[in-house]
Each structure stands twice: as C-alpha cells, then as structure tokens.
C-alpha cells in the first residue's frame, strides 16, 4: 500500500468501513472459540457432541474466512480506485504527475483529459 500514505485526501479512502466484514469476523471468531467447549465435552464425557462441535468449528471458521475475504476485496478495490485517480492526473505529453482535479499540466501546460 505504498500509494496510500497517511493523511492523503482522496474521496475513495475516506469511506466508512462496512459493518459486514466486522460482523463475520467477530461472530465467526466467537462461534469457533465457543466450539472448543463442545470439543472438550466430546472428548471427556459425551461423544455424541462431536457433530455439534465440528459443525460449530467449521461454520465459525468459514465465517471468519469470509470476513477476511470481504476485507481483502475492499482493500483491493480501494487501491485500484486510488491508482486510477493517480493515473488520471498523469500528463500524456510529458508524464508529469499533477494534482487530481487540475485541467492543465503544471510542468508543460498541456491539457489533461
């Protein structure tokens, strides 16, 4: 994330964090954590709890994996949008990097499209 320095002001990076990945990570983590109690009961006293313990572990792990997937996809989209904004500010004639929103190149004076 070399292009996304602290303190820059592009609109794509000021979006609020979505709640879905946080919920998937949190609830999946809790479900996987509490499944360990059922694993202990399964191994100590009641082997009939094995399907419940295994199911809770699998579902919790799946929810956590999906939460991480959502976060990684969002980061990729933000980086792609940020790179597109930087590319739009590049002059086609001299290759100079201009501020986003400018209409003329600050280096050669050519119009930016």
Protein backbone atom coordinates (compact mmCIF):
# COMPACT_ATOMS: atom_id res chain seq x y z
CA UNK A 1 0.00 0.00 0.00
CA UNK A 2 2.75 2.38 -0.90
CA UNK A 3 0.37 4.72 -2.71
CA UNK A 4 -1.98 5.13 0.23
CA UNK A 5 0.06 7.30 2.59
CA UNK A 6 -1.29 8.53 5.88
CA UNK A 7 -3.03 11.87 5.62
CA UNK A 8 -3.87 11.97 1.92
CA UNK A 9 -7.31 13.19 0.91
CA UNK A 10 -8.81 11.14 -1.91
CA UNK A 11 -12.59 10.51 -1.60
CA UNK A 12 -12.23 6.75 -2.11
CA UNK A 13 -10.14 6.43 1.04
CA UNK A 14 -12.46 8.43 3.28
CA UNK A 15 -15.31 5.94 3.05
CA UNK A 16 -16.59 4.43 6.24
CA UNK A 17 -15.73 0.83 6.99
CA UNK A 18 -18.61 -1.53 6.17
CA UNK A 19 -20.07 -3.50 9.07
CA UNK A 20 -20.45 -6.90 7.35
CA UNK A 21 -16.77 -7.98 7.49
CA UNK A 22 -16.55 -6.95 11.12
CA UNK A 23 -19.66 -8.94 11.97
CA UNK A 24 -18.46 -12.02 10.09
CA UNK A 25 -15.07 -11.88 11.79
CA UNK A 26 -16.46 -11.24 15.26
CA UNK A 27 -19.33 -13.70 15.24
CA UNK A 28 -17.31 -16.35 13.43
CA UNK A 29 -14.50 -15.99 15.94
CA UNK A 30 -16.89 -16.29 18.86
CA UNK A 31 -18.54 -19.34 17.34
CA UNK A 32 -15.19 -21.03 16.73
CA UNK A 33 -14.00 -20.12 20.23
CA UNK A 34 -17.10 -21.47 21.97
CA UNK A 35 -16.95 -24.64 19.90
CA UNK A 36 -13.86 -25.61 21.89
CA UNK A 37 -16.06 -26.11 24.95
CA UNK A 38 -18.07 -28.65 22.98
CA UNK A 39 -14.83 -30.32 21.84
CA UNK A 40 -13.79 -30.70 25.48
CA UNK A 41 -17.18 -32.19 26.40
CA UNK A 42 -16.92 -34.52 23.40
CA UNK A 43 -13.53 -35.88 24.42
CA UNK A 44 -14.20 -36.02 28.16
CA UNK A 45 -17.74 -37.29 28.56
CA UNK A 46 -20.18 -37.29 25.66
CA UNK A 47 -19.01 -38.47 22.21
CA UNK A 48 -22.44 -37.62 20.79
CA UNK A 49 -21.48 -33.91 20.83
CA UNK A 50 -18.93 -34.45 18.05
CA UNK A 51 -21.21 -33.32 15.17
CA UNK A 52 -22.17 -30.15 17.05
CA UNK A 53 -18.57 -29.31 17.94
CA UNK A 54 -17.35 -29.98 14.39
CA UNK A 55 -20.22 -28.02 12.85
CA UNK A 56 -19.63 -25.00 15.07
CA UNK A 57 -15.92 -25.05 14.28
CA UNK A 58 -16.47 -25.30 10.53
CA UNK A 59 -19.16 -22.62 10.43
CA UNK A 60 -17.15 -20.27 12.66
CA UNK A 61 -14.02 -20.77 10.58
CA UNK A 62 -15.97 -20.23 7.39
CA UNK A 63 -17.47 -17.01 8.70
CA UNK A 64 -14.03 -15.73 9.70
CA UNK A 65 -12.58 -16.65 6.30
CA UNK A 66 -15.43 -14.85 4.54
CA UNK A 67 -14.89 -11.76 6.71
CA UNK A 68 -11.20 -11.69 5.76
CA UNK A 69 -12.16 -12.19 2.12
CA UNK A 70 -14.51 -9.17 2.25
CA UNK A 71 -11.81 -7.04 3.83
CA UNK A 72 -9.19 -8.05 1.26
CA UNK A 73 -11.58 -7.37 -1.64
CA UNK A 74 -12.40 -3.93 -0.24
CA UNK A 75 -8.71 -3.12 0.11
CA UNK A 76 -8.10 -4.18 -3.49
CA UNK A 77 -10.99 -2.01 -4.73
CA UNK A 78 -9.72 0.99 -2.74
CA UNK A 79 -6.19 0.57 -4.05
CA UNK A 80 -7.42 0.21 -7.63
CA UNK A 81 -9.58 3.35 -7.33
CA UNK A 82 -6.69 5.24 -5.76
CA UNK A 83 -4.31 4.16 -8.54
CA UNK A 84 -6.88 5.17 -11.15
CA UNK A 85 -7.12 8.63 -9.57
CA UNK A 86 -3.33 8.95 -9.66
CA UNK A 87 -3.22 7.77 -13.28
CA UNK A 88 -5.82 10.34 -14.33
CA UNK A 89 -3.55 13.08 -13.02
CA UNK A 90 -0.60 11.96 -15.19
CA UNK A 91 0.19 14.11 -18.20
CA UNK A 92 0.04 12.27 -21.54
CA UNK A 93 2.71 14.52 -23.08
CA UNK A 94 5.47 14.88 -20.50
CA UNK A 95 4.48 12.21 -17.95
CA UNK A 96 4.42 14.67 -15.06
CA UNK A 97 2.29 13.86 -12.00
CA UNK A 98 -0.29 16.60 -11.45
CA UNK A 99 -2.73 17.16 -8.63
CA UNK A 100 -6.10 15.43 -9.17
CA UNK A 101 -8.70 17.85 -10.49
CA UNK A 102 -6.31 20.09 -12.43
CA UNK A 103 -7.10 20.81 -16.07
CA UNK A 104 -3.61 21.77 -17.31
CA UNK A 105 -0.23 20.16 -16.68
CA UNK A 106 1.80 22.16 -14.22
CA UNK A 107 5.01 21.14 -15.98
CA UNK A 108 4.34 21.62 -19.71
CA UNK A 109 0.94 23.35 -19.80
CA UNK A 110 -0.76 20.68 -21.90
CA UNK A 111 -4.46 19.99 -21.25
CA UNK A 112 -5.20 16.97 -19.05
CA UNK A 113 -8.02 14.70 -20.17
